[in-house]
N, C-alpha and C. Protein backbone atom coordinates (compact mmCIF):
# COMPACT_ATOMS: atom_id res chain seq x y z
N MET A 1 0.60 -1.00 0.06
CA MET A 1 -0.21 0.12 0.30
C MET A 1 1.16 1.29 -0.06
N PRO A 2 0.78 2.65 -0.52
CA PRO A 2 1.48 3.03 -0.85
C PRO A 2 1.68 4.39 0.45
N CYS A 3 2.60 5.23 0.70
CA CYS A 3 2.81 5.56 1.51
C CYS A 3 3.14 6.89 1.79
N PRO A 4 2.10 7.62 1.23
CA PRO A 4 2.45 9.09 0.46
C PRO A 4 2.98 10.15 1.98
N HIS A 5 3.68 10.71 1.69
CA HIS A 5 4.51 12.06 2.28
C HIS A 5 4.68 12.88 2.09
N ASN A 6 4.94 14.28 2.40
CA ASN A 6 4.86 15.33 1.87
C ASN A 6 5.04 16.48 3.29
N GLU A 7 5.95 17.49 2.73
CA GLU A 7 6.61 18.39 3.40
C GLU A 7 6.79 19.45 3.00
N ILE A 8 5.97 20.47 3.80
CA ILE A 8 5.99 21.49 3.31
C ILE A 8 7.12 22.34 4.68
N THR A 9 7.94 23.59 4.19
CA THR A 9 8.55 24.52 4.65
C THR A 9 8.94 25.65 4.50
N ILE A 10 9.46 26.94 4.69
CA ILE A 10 9.74 28.05 4.30
C ILE A 10 11.10 27.81 4.30
N VAL A 11 11.40 28.76 3.26
CA VAL A 11 12.75 29.30 2.87
C VAL A 11 12.83 30.76 4.19
N GLN A 12 13.77 30.55 4.79
CA GLN A 12 13.81 31.87 5.35
C GLN A 12 15.38 32.41 5.93
N ARG A 13 14.71 33.92 5.25
CA ARG A 13 16.89 34.63 5.82
C ARG A 13 16.99 34.43 7.22
N SER A 14 16.13 34.61 8.22
CA SER A 14 16.46 34.73 9.55
C SER A 14 17.38 33.35 10.27
N GLN A 15 17.35 31.64 8.95
CA GLN A 15 18.41 30.62 9.10
C GLN A 15 18.57 30.23 8.44
N ARG A 16 18.99 31.88 8.10
CA ARG A 16 20.67 31.31 7.21
C ARG A 16 20.36 30.59 6.13
N GLN A 17 18.58 30.47 5.42
CA GLN A 17 18.56 29.74 4.27
C GLN A 17 18.51 31.09 2.80
N SER A 18 19.08 30.37 1.94
CA SER A 18 18.58 30.91 0.60
C SER A 18 17.64 30.19 -0.56
N ALA A 19 17.01 30.61 -0.84
CA ALA A 19 16.14 30.54 -2.22
C ALA A 19 17.23 29.80 -3.21
N VAL A 20 17.81 30.59 -3.92
CA VAL A 20 18.65 30.35 -4.69
C VAL A 20 19.40 28.94 -4.22
N ALA A 21 20.01 28.98 -3.05
CA ALA A 21 20.14 27.49 -2.73
C ALA A 21 19.56 26.42 -3.03
N ALA A 22 18.31 26.89 -2.26
CA ALA A 22 17.04 25.78 -2.21
C ALA A 22 16.55 25.42 -3.76
N ALA A 23 17.33 26.01 -5.34
CA ALA A 23 16.71 25.82 -6.77
C ALA A 23 17.79 25.05 -6.93
N ALA A 24 19.26 25.94 -6.33
CA ALA A 24 20.43 24.80 -6.89
C ALA A 24 20.50 23.63 -6.65
N TYR A 25 20.08 23.11 -4.89
CA TYR A 25 19.94 21.83 -4.42
C TYR A 25 18.70 20.62 -5.29
N GLN A 26 17.90 21.88 -5.60
CA GLN A 26 16.35 20.55 -6.64
C GLN A 26 17.04 20.45 -7.77
N SER A 27 17.72 21.54 -8.24
CA SER A 27 17.89 21.18 -9.68
C SER A 27 19.33 20.70 -10.52
N GLY A 28 20.18 20.54 -9.01
CA GLY A 28 21.68 20.00 -9.99
C GLY A 28 22.16 21.26 -10.65
N GLU A 29 22.19 22.23 -10.83
CA GLU A 29 22.45 23.84 -11.41
C GLU A 29 23.79 23.90 -10.24
N LYS A 30 24.76 25.03 -10.64
CA LYS A 30 24.96 25.79 -11.01
C LYS A 30 24.83 27.04 -10.49
N LEU A 31 23.95 27.46 -9.53
CA LEU A 31 24.11 28.70 -9.66
C LEU A 31 24.44 29.98 -8.42
N PHE A 32 24.24 31.31 -8.99
CA PHE A 32 25.30 32.06 -8.12
C PHE A 32 23.82 33.40 -6.61
N CYS A 33 24.27 33.51 -6.15
CA CYS A 33 23.44 34.37 -4.67
C CYS A 33 24.38 35.43 -5.21
N GLU A 34 23.47 36.52 -5.66
CA GLU A 34 23.52 38.14 -4.94
C GLU A 34 23.75 38.51 -3.79
N TYR A 35 22.50 38.16 -3.28
CA TYR A 35 22.36 38.17 -1.29
C TYR A 35 23.86 37.68 -0.96
N ASP A 36 24.33 37.22 -1.18
CA ASP A 36 25.89 36.81 -0.56
C ASP A 36 27.09 36.57 -1.30
N GLN A 37 26.43 37.01 -2.48
CA GLN A 37 27.90 37.03 -3.28
C GLN A 37 28.83 35.36 -3.39
N GLN A 38 27.59 34.27 -3.49
CA GLN A 38 28.17 32.92 -3.56
C GLN A 38 27.82 32.10 -3.93
N VAL A 39 28.90 31.08 -4.99
CA VAL A 39 28.12 30.31 -5.65
C VAL A 39 27.36 29.01 -5.10
N LYS A 40 26.24 28.45 -5.51
CA LYS A 40 25.65 27.70 -4.82
C LYS A 40 25.44 25.90 -6.02
N HIS A 41 26.17 25.30 -5.11
CA HIS A 41 26.18 23.78 -6.16
C HIS A 41 26.41 22.92 -4.91
N TYR A 42 25.30 21.62 -5.76
CA TYR A 42 25.47 20.37 -4.99
C TYR A 42 26.02 20.07 -5.98
N PRO A 43 27.05 19.31 -6.41
CA PRO A 43 27.58 18.49 -7.36
C PRO A 43 27.68 16.93 -6.74
N GLU A 44 26.90 16.31 -5.51
CA GLU A 44 27.23 15.11 -5.08
C GLU A 44 25.33 14.80 -4.77
N LYS A 45 24.24 15.68 -5.74
CA LYS A 45 23.56 15.65 -5.64
C LYS A 45 22.96 14.73 -7.24
N ARG A 46 22.51 13.57 -6.85
CA ARG A 46 22.18 12.56 -7.83
C ARG A 46 20.61 12.25 -8.18
N GLY A 47 20.46 11.61 -9.07
CA GLY A 47 18.81 11.07 -9.32
C GLY A 47 18.00 12.13 -9.78
N ILE A 48 18.21 13.37 -10.36
CA ILE A 48 17.21 14.14 -11.10
C ILE A 48 16.83 14.57 -11.88
N VAL A 49 15.75 14.12 -12.39
CA VAL A 49 15.48 13.34 -13.90
C VAL A 49 14.77 13.68 -14.92
N HIS A 50 14.30 15.68 -13.94
CA HIS A 50 13.60 16.75 -14.81
C HIS A 50 13.48 17.98 -13.90
N ASN A 51 13.48 18.63 -14.37
CA ASN A 51 13.03 19.98 -13.63
C ASN A 51 12.76 21.11 -15.07
N GLU A 52 11.54 21.84 -14.32
CA GLU A 52 11.40 22.82 -14.85
C GLU A 52 11.01 24.17 -14.00
N ILE A 53 10.74 24.69 -14.56
CA ILE A 53 9.47 26.45 -14.00
C ILE A 53 8.85 27.08 -14.99
N LEU A 54 7.78 26.67 -14.10
CA LEU A 54 6.21 27.28 -14.62
C LEU A 54 6.09 29.24 -14.52
N LEU A 55 5.34 30.06 -15.42
CA LEU A 55 5.26 31.00 -15.19
C LEU A 55 3.93 31.66 -14.98
N PRO A 56 3.66 32.18 -14.50
CA PRO A 56 2.42 32.73 -14.69
C PRO A 56 2.23 33.81 -16.02
N ALA A 57 0.59 33.89 -16.77
CA ALA A 57 0.88 34.61 -18.07
C ALA A 57 1.53 35.66 -18.01
N ASN A 58 1.34 36.67 -16.91
CA ASN A 58 2.10 38.07 -16.82
C ASN A 58 3.80 38.26 -16.47
N ALA A 59 3.77 36.77 -15.89
CA ALA A 59 5.22 37.44 -15.43
C ALA A 59 5.93 37.71 -16.36
N PRO A 60 7.31 38.32 -16.12
CA PRO A 60 8.43 38.90 -17.26
C PRO A 60 9.11 37.04 -17.60
N PRO A 61 9.28 37.48 -18.63
CA PRO A 61 9.79 36.12 -19.30
C PRO A 61 11.34 35.14 -19.01
N GLU A 62 12.01 36.72 -18.57
CA GLU A 62 13.56 36.07 -17.82
C GLU A 62 13.39 35.35 -16.81
N TYR A 63 12.12 35.38 -16.46
CA TYR A 63 12.26 34.52 -15.59
C TYR A 63 12.20 33.07 -15.38
N ALA A 64 12.04 32.92 -16.43
CA ALA A 64 12.33 31.05 -17.31
C ALA A 64 13.98 30.82 -16.90
N ASP A 65 14.91 31.78 -16.44
CA ASP A 65 16.27 31.66 -15.99
C ASP A 65 15.75 31.09 -13.89
N ARG A 66 16.07 29.77 -14.16
CA ARG A 66 16.33 30.10 -12.47
C ARG A 66 17.20 30.82 -12.07
N ASN A 67 18.27 31.14 -12.71
CA ASN A 67 19.27 32.60 -11.26
C ASN A 67 18.49 33.80 -11.47
N THR A 68 17.65 34.14 -12.38
CA THR A 68 16.57 35.30 -12.65
C THR A 68 15.69 35.37 -11.99
N LEU A 69 14.99 34.57 -11.12
CA LEU A 69 14.02 34.17 -10.45
C LEU A 69 14.35 34.20 -9.48
N TRP A 70 15.09 33.30 -8.74
CA TRP A 70 15.51 33.34 -7.35
C TRP A 70 15.67 34.49 -6.85
N ASN A 71 16.93 35.27 -8.15
CA ASN A 71 17.68 36.30 -7.53
C ASN A 71 16.78 37.06 -7.46
N ALA A 72 15.66 37.89 -8.53
CA ALA A 72 15.11 38.48 -8.07
C ALA A 72 13.96 38.78 -6.76
N ALA A 73 13.49 37.04 -6.54
CA ALA A 73 12.61 37.09 -5.57
C ALA A 73 13.44 37.25 -4.06
N GLU A 74 14.39 36.93 -3.79
CA GLU A 74 15.16 37.82 -2.81
C GLU A 74 15.39 38.90 -2.50
N ALA A 75 15.60 39.59 -4.01
CA ALA A 75 16.14 41.00 -4.00
C ALA A 75 14.64 41.55 -3.41
N VAL A 76 13.75 41.02 -3.89
CA VAL A 76 12.32 41.61 -3.56
C VAL A 76 11.91 41.83 -2.01
N GLU A 77 12.27 41.02 -1.11
CA GLU A 77 12.71 41.12 -0.35
C GLU A 77 13.84 41.76 0.96
N LYS A 78 13.58 42.33 1.94
CA LYS A 78 14.45 43.85 2.03
C LYS A 78 14.95 43.14 3.87
N GLN A 79 13.95 42.72 4.46
CA GLN A 79 13.93 42.31 5.53
C GLN A 79 15.04 41.24 6.04
N TRP A 80 15.97 41.50 6.95
CA TRP A 80 17.15 40.42 8.02
C TRP A 80 16.37 39.07 8.21
N ASN A 81 15.01 39.28 8.29
CA ASN A 81 14.18 37.59 8.94
C ASN A 81 13.17 37.43 7.46
N SER A 82 13.40 37.72 6.54
CA SER A 82 12.47 37.87 5.27
C SER A 82 12.06 36.21 5.02
N GLN A 83 10.41 36.11 4.59
CA GLN A 83 10.25 34.49 4.17
C GLN A 83 10.25 34.65 2.77
N LEU A 84 11.32 33.43 1.84
CA LEU A 84 12.22 34.17 0.62
C LEU A 84 10.98 32.86 -0.05
N ALA A 85 10.43 31.69 0.07
CA ALA A 85 10.04 31.33 -1.04
C ALA A 85 9.03 29.93 0.14
N ARG A 86 8.43 29.11 -0.56
CA ARG A 86 7.45 27.78 -0.15
C ARG A 86 7.95 26.71 -0.83
N ARG A 87 9.00 26.20 0.32
CA ARG A 87 9.13 24.59 -0.52
C ARG A 87 8.64 23.00 0.41
N TRP A 88 8.30 22.67 -1.26
CA TRP A 88 7.19 21.11 -0.60
C TRP A 88 7.89 20.01 -1.74
N VAL A 89 8.04 19.46 -0.71
CA VAL A 89 9.03 17.86 -1.13
C VAL A 89 7.76 16.94 -1.04
N LEU A 90 6.96 16.46 -1.92
CA LEU A 90 6.15 15.57 -2.11
C LEU A 90 6.15 14.34 -2.99
N THR A 91 5.89 12.48 -2.03
CA THR A 91 6.20 11.51 -2.55
C THR A 91 5.29 11.38 -4.06
N ILE A 92 6.10 10.85 -4.78
CA ILE A 92 4.96 9.71 -6.35
C ILE A 92 4.65 8.55 -6.36
N PRO A 93 3.72 8.13 -6.18
CA PRO A 93 3.86 6.83 -5.86
C PRO A 93 4.15 6.33 -7.04
N ARG A 94 4.52 5.07 -6.47
CA ARG A 94 5.50 4.11 -7.07
C ARG A 94 4.74 3.57 -8.53
N GLU A 95 3.47 2.99 -8.27
CA GLU A 95 2.04 2.74 -8.90
C GLU A 95 2.23 3.55 -10.63
N ILE A 96 2.78 4.97 -10.34
CA ILE A 96 2.58 5.95 -11.55
C ILE A 96 3.86 5.27 -12.55
N PRO A 97 3.48 5.90 -13.87
CA PRO A 97 4.90 5.29 -14.61
C PRO A 97 5.70 6.30 -14.94
N PRO A 98 6.95 6.06 -14.56
CA PRO A 98 8.07 7.62 -14.62
C PRO A 98 7.81 8.47 -16.04
N GLU A 99 7.16 7.54 -16.73
CA GLU A 99 7.04 8.85 -18.12
C GLU A 99 5.77 9.85 -17.90
N GLN A 100 5.19 9.51 -16.68
CA GLN A 100 3.89 10.43 -16.66
C GLN A 100 4.09 11.48 -14.77
N TYR A 101 6.15 11.25 -14.41
CA TYR A 101 5.84 12.02 -13.28
C TYR A 101 5.57 13.49 -13.45
N ALA A 102 6.14 13.98 -14.53
CA ALA A 102 6.47 15.46 -15.34
C ALA A 102 5.02 15.96 -15.16
N VAL A 103 4.30 15.21 -16.13
CA VAL A 103 2.81 15.84 -16.03
C VAL A 103 2.31 15.86 -15.28
N LEU A 104 2.38 14.85 -14.50
CA LEU A 104 1.42 15.09 -12.83
C LEU A 104 1.83 16.27 -12.14
N VAL A 105 3.03 16.48 -11.59
CA VAL A 105 3.76 17.39 -11.28
C VAL A 105 3.13 18.55 -11.98
N ARG A 106 3.52 18.85 -13.40
CA ARG A 106 3.35 20.19 -14.21
C ARG A 106 1.46 20.17 -14.00
N GLU A 107 0.78 19.54 -14.13
CA GLU A 107 -0.93 19.98 -13.80
C GLU A 107 -0.65 20.32 -12.80
N PHE A 108 -0.17 19.74 -11.68
CA PHE A 108 -0.72 20.29 -9.87
C PHE A 108 -0.39 21.45 -9.54
N CYS A 109 1.40 21.46 -10.13
CA CYS A 109 1.77 22.74 -9.51
C CYS A 109 0.93 24.02 -10.79
N GLN A 110 0.35 23.82 -11.58
CA GLN A 110 -0.67 24.69 -12.63
C GLN A 110 -1.76 24.73 -12.47
N GLN A 111 -2.31 23.78 -11.25
CA GLN A 111 -3.48 24.18 -11.25
C GLN A 111 -3.67 25.03 -9.99
N GLN A 112 -2.91 24.57 -9.00
CA GLN A 112 -2.64 25.35 -7.49
C GLN A 112 -2.00 26.40 -6.81
N PHE A 113 -1.14 26.41 -8.00
CA PHE A 113 -0.07 27.91 -7.96
C PHE A 113 0.11 28.95 -8.99
N VAL A 114 0.38 28.31 -10.68
CA VAL A 114 0.94 29.21 -11.26
C VAL A 114 -0.99 29.98 -11.62
N SER A 115 -1.67 29.39 -11.10
CA SER A 115 -2.92 29.34 -12.05
C SER A 115 -3.15 31.02 -10.56
N LYS A 116 -3.34 30.96 -9.87
CA LYS A 116 -2.86 31.97 -9.06
C LYS A 116 -1.75 33.31 -8.52
N GLY A 117 -1.26 33.16 -9.61
CA GLY A 117 -0.39 34.17 -10.11
C GLY A 117 1.11 33.84 -9.70
N MET A 118 1.27 32.58 -9.04
CA MET A 118 2.69 31.67 -8.25
C MET A 118 3.89 31.20 -9.39
N ILE A 119 5.07 31.58 -9.20
CA ILE A 119 6.12 30.69 -10.22
C ILE A 119 6.24 29.98 -9.32
N ALA A 120 6.18 29.22 -10.03
CA ALA A 120 6.64 27.09 -9.71
C ALA A 120 8.12 26.69 -10.56
N ASP A 121 8.68 26.26 -9.40
CA ASP A 121 10.41 25.47 -10.05
C ASP A 121 10.00 24.49 -9.33
N PHE A 122 10.28 22.94 -10.09
CA PHE A 122 9.62 21.65 -9.83
C PHE A 122 10.48 20.91 -10.37
N ALA A 123 11.28 20.04 -9.40
CA ALA A 123 12.15 18.79 -10.07
C ALA A 123 11.68 17.86 -9.58
N ILE A 124 12.10 16.80 -10.23
CA ILE A 124 11.90 15.07 -9.97
C ILE A 124 12.95 14.33 -9.35
N HIS A 125 12.72 14.06 -8.16
CA HIS A 125 13.87 12.99 -8.00
C HIS A 125 13.51 11.72 -7.45
N ASP A 126 14.82 11.11 -8.51
CA ASP A 126 14.48 9.21 -8.50
C ASP A 126 15.73 8.98 -8.49
N PRO A 127 16.43 8.73 -6.68
CA PRO A 127 17.90 8.42 -6.66
C PRO A 127 18.33 7.05 -7.80
N HIS A 128 17.86 6.72 -7.58
CA HIS A 128 18.08 4.86 -8.37
C HIS A 128 17.09 4.63 -9.48
N PRO A 129 16.47 4.77 -10.29
CA PRO A 129 15.74 5.04 -11.40
C PRO A 129 15.53 3.44 -11.41
N PRO A 130 14.31 2.64 -11.79
CA PRO A 130 13.59 3.54 -11.44
C PRO A 130 13.25 2.59 -9.30
N GLY A 131 13.84 4.03 -8.84
CA GLY A 131 13.84 3.26 -7.21
C GLY A 131 12.56 3.44 -6.79
N PRO A 132 12.83 3.49 -4.97
CA PRO A 132 11.73 3.02 -4.23
C PRO A 132 11.20 4.20 -4.00
N ASN A 133 11.77 5.33 -3.96
CA ASN A 133 11.65 6.46 -3.48
C ASN A 133 11.43 7.99 -4.86
N PRO A 134 10.07 7.33 -5.46
CA PRO A 134 10.59 9.04 -6.71
C PRO A 134 9.54 10.12 -5.44
N HIS A 135 10.00 11.26 -5.93
CA HIS A 135 9.72 12.63 -5.29
C HIS A 135 9.87 13.83 -5.80
N ALA A 136 8.90 14.94 -5.74
CA ALA A 136 9.26 15.89 -6.20
C ALA A 136 10.04 16.98 -5.29
N HIS A 137 10.58 18.03 -5.92
CA HIS A 137 10.73 19.47 -5.18
C HIS A 137 9.99 20.60 -5.83
N VAL A 138 8.99 21.24 -4.91
CA VAL A 138 8.31 22.65 -5.44
C VAL A 138 8.90 23.29 -4.87
N LEU A 139 9.09 24.32 -5.54
CA LEU A 139 10.06 25.99 -4.80
C LEU A 139 9.02 26.71 -5.09
N LEU A 140 8.20 27.48 -4.60
CA LEU A 140 6.99 28.33 -4.88
C LEU A 140 7.24 29.77 -4.49
N THR A 141 7.24 30.76 -5.30
CA THR A 141 7.20 31.65 -4.65
C THR A 141 6.54 32.86 -3.38
N MET A 142 7.10 33.41 -2.65
CA MET A 142 5.95 33.76 -1.86
C MET A 142 5.24 34.66 -2.28
N ARG A 143 5.37 35.68 -3.05
CA ARG A 143 4.02 36.79 -3.80
C ARG A 143 4.23 36.05 -4.88
N ALA A 144 3.22 36.80 -5.34
CA ALA A 144 2.35 36.67 -6.66
C ALA A 144 2.87 37.64 -7.58
N MET A 145 2.22 37.56 -9.30
CA MET A 145 2.60 38.90 -9.69
C MET A 145 1.51 39.20 -10.39
N ASP A 146 1.69 40.15 -10.46
CA ASP A 146 0.42 41.54 -10.84
C ASP A 146 0.93 41.30 -12.33
N GLU A 147 -0.70 42.22 -12.99
CA GLU A 147 -0.58 41.94 -14.63
C GLU A 147 0.47 42.64 -15.26
N HIS A 148 0.91 43.82 -15.05
CA HIS A 148 2.04 44.01 -15.19
C HIS A 148 3.26 43.47 -15.05
N GLY A 149 3.48 42.16 -14.41
CA GLY A 149 4.34 41.18 -13.95
C GLY A 149 5.63 41.97 -12.83
N LYS A 150 4.93 42.51 -11.94
CA LYS A 150 6.12 42.88 -10.92
C LYS A 150 5.15 42.47 -9.44
N TRP A 151 6.10 42.04 -8.65
CA TRP A 151 5.64 41.01 -7.33
C TRP A 151 4.63 42.45 -6.71
N LEU A 152 3.77 41.45 -6.42
CA LEU A 152 2.41 41.54 -5.33
C LEU A 152 3.10 41.58 -3.94
N PRO A 153 2.36 42.62 -2.80
CA PRO A 153 2.68 42.48 -1.34
C PRO A 153 1.89 41.09 -0.78
N LYS A 154 2.93 40.68 0.18
CA LYS A 154 2.31 38.98 0.86
C LYS A 154 0.56 39.57 1.65
N SER A 155 0.82 40.56 1.92
CA SER A 155 -1.11 41.11 2.89
C SER A 155 -1.18 41.89 2.36
N ARG A 156 -2.22 42.33 3.12
CA ARG A 156 -2.86 43.92 3.15
C ARG A 156 -3.38 43.97 3.65
N LYS A 157 -2.95 45.40 4.50
CA LYS A 157 -4.03 46.15 5.47
C LYS A 157 -5.56 46.07 4.66
N VAL A 158 -6.56 45.46 6.31
CA VAL A 158 -7.60 46.04 5.58
C VAL A 158 -8.75 46.58 6.89
N TYR A 159 -9.41 47.45 7.15
CA TYR A 159 -10.17 48.40 8.22
C TYR A 159 -11.09 47.58 8.53
N ASP A 160 -10.90 46.85 9.98
CA ASP A 160 -12.73 46.24 10.16
C ASP A 160 -13.59 47.16 9.94
N LEU A 161 -14.83 47.02 9.73
CA LEU A 161 -16.03 47.93 9.61
C LEU A 161 -17.58 47.64 10.93
N ASP A 162 -17.92 48.19 11.14
CA ASP A 162 -18.97 47.99 12.31
C ASP A 162 -20.06 47.80 11.15
N GLU A 163 -20.81 47.03 11.92
CA GLU A 163 -22.60 47.15 11.38
C GLU A 163 -23.33 48.20 9.98
N SER A 164 -22.61 49.20 10.02
CA SER A 164 -23.14 50.38 9.45
C SER A 164 -22.73 50.80 7.88
N GLY A 165 -20.91 49.50 7.65
CA GLY A 165 -19.92 49.77 7.29
C GLY A 165 -19.05 51.20 7.20
N GLU A 166 -18.95 51.43 8.73
CA GLU A 166 -17.94 52.16 8.92
C GLU A 166 -16.75 52.01 9.51
N ARG A 167 -15.71 52.82 9.30
CA ARG A 167 -14.40 52.19 10.14
C ARG A 167 -14.42 52.31 11.59
N ILE A 168 -13.47 51.85 12.53
CA ILE A 168 -14.24 51.55 13.69
C ILE A 168 -12.81 52.23 14.07
N LYS A 169 -13.27 53.21 14.84
CA LYS A 169 -12.10 53.94 15.81
C LYS A 169 -11.82 53.35 16.98
N LEU A 170 -10.08 53.21 17.49
CA LEU A 170 -10.34 52.90 18.68
C LEU A 170 -9.77 53.82 19.92
N PRO A 171 -9.57 53.63 21.02
CA PRO A 171 -9.47 54.60 21.91
C PRO A 171 -7.72 55.22 21.84
N SER A 172 -7.21 54.87 20.92
CA SER A 172 -5.82 55.33 20.95
C SER A 172 -6.42 56.09 20.13
N GLY A 173 -7.33 56.29 19.21
CA GLY A 173 -6.70 57.46 18.04
C GLY A 173 -7.13 56.67 16.59
N ARG A 174 -6.38 55.38 16.48
CA ARG A 174 -6.38 54.75 15.30
C ARG A 174 -7.22 53.40 14.54
N TRP A 175 -7.51 53.40 13.63
CA TRP A 175 -8.19 52.46 12.95
C TRP A 175 -7.86 51.13 13.71
N LYS A 176 -9.16 50.69 14.08
CA LYS A 176 -9.12 48.47 13.99
C LYS A 176 -9.06 48.16 12.79
N SER A 177 -8.04 47.70 12.73
CA SER A 177 -7.76 46.74 11.30
C SER A 177 -7.21 45.25 11.66
N HIS A 178 -6.92 44.74 10.26
CA HIS A 178 -6.11 43.23 10.63
C HIS A 178 -5.41 43.50 9.23
N LYS A 179 -4.49 42.15 9.16
CA LYS A 179 -3.76 41.63 7.70
C LYS A 179 -4.93 40.57 7.06
N GLU A 180 -4.64 40.86 5.56
CA GLU A 180 -4.84 39.59 4.91
C GLU A 180 -3.94 39.17 4.16
N ASP A 181 -3.62 37.85 4.47
CA ASP A 181 -2.50 37.61 2.85
C ASP A 181 -3.45 37.45 1.71
N THR A 182 -2.57 37.34 0.80
CA THR A 182 -2.83 38.13 -0.68
C THR A 182 -2.33 36.48 -1.63
N VAL A 183 -1.56 35.78 -1.13
CA VAL A 183 -1.11 34.48 -1.49
C VAL A 183 -1.93 33.59 -0.86
N ASP A 184 -2.53 31.73 -0.51
CA ASP A 184 -2.32 31.61 0.27
C ASP A 184 -1.49 30.61 0.94
């Protein structure tokens, strides 16, 4: 019986992590990180059978280049504790033929993420093809793209309203508000 596994984490600058390094690891490519001016490369990584970047229609075409994409995603984040990317590792059932792995992951990413404006960079790993552990690494941008190819904010401030549709004033003189995430 299949034993599904998936792990979702956030690539965080406060943990000394890098979206460029994560992309280099999952793709097997040598990438240069502009933030720390270091080459990210994992030559010992084996079993990468496919990798691909999926862009929404409004994304700049230069983001099809992995190095450009992840350096741009890191550059827009200014804080020392910024969240840089979402990282998802999911198992691919061994019952699926290997030639369908990329189609399956591509369709899933297109439907769940790219259609909502995020950029998905995925790689399929099968360490010993056909091995006992086929899995996909999906790296997602934290921010979506607007219709002009610009990064959107991660959240926005929304004022709370009373029954008559008016903003609620707090004793401090400020308006009551909350944050809403722009990307799930």
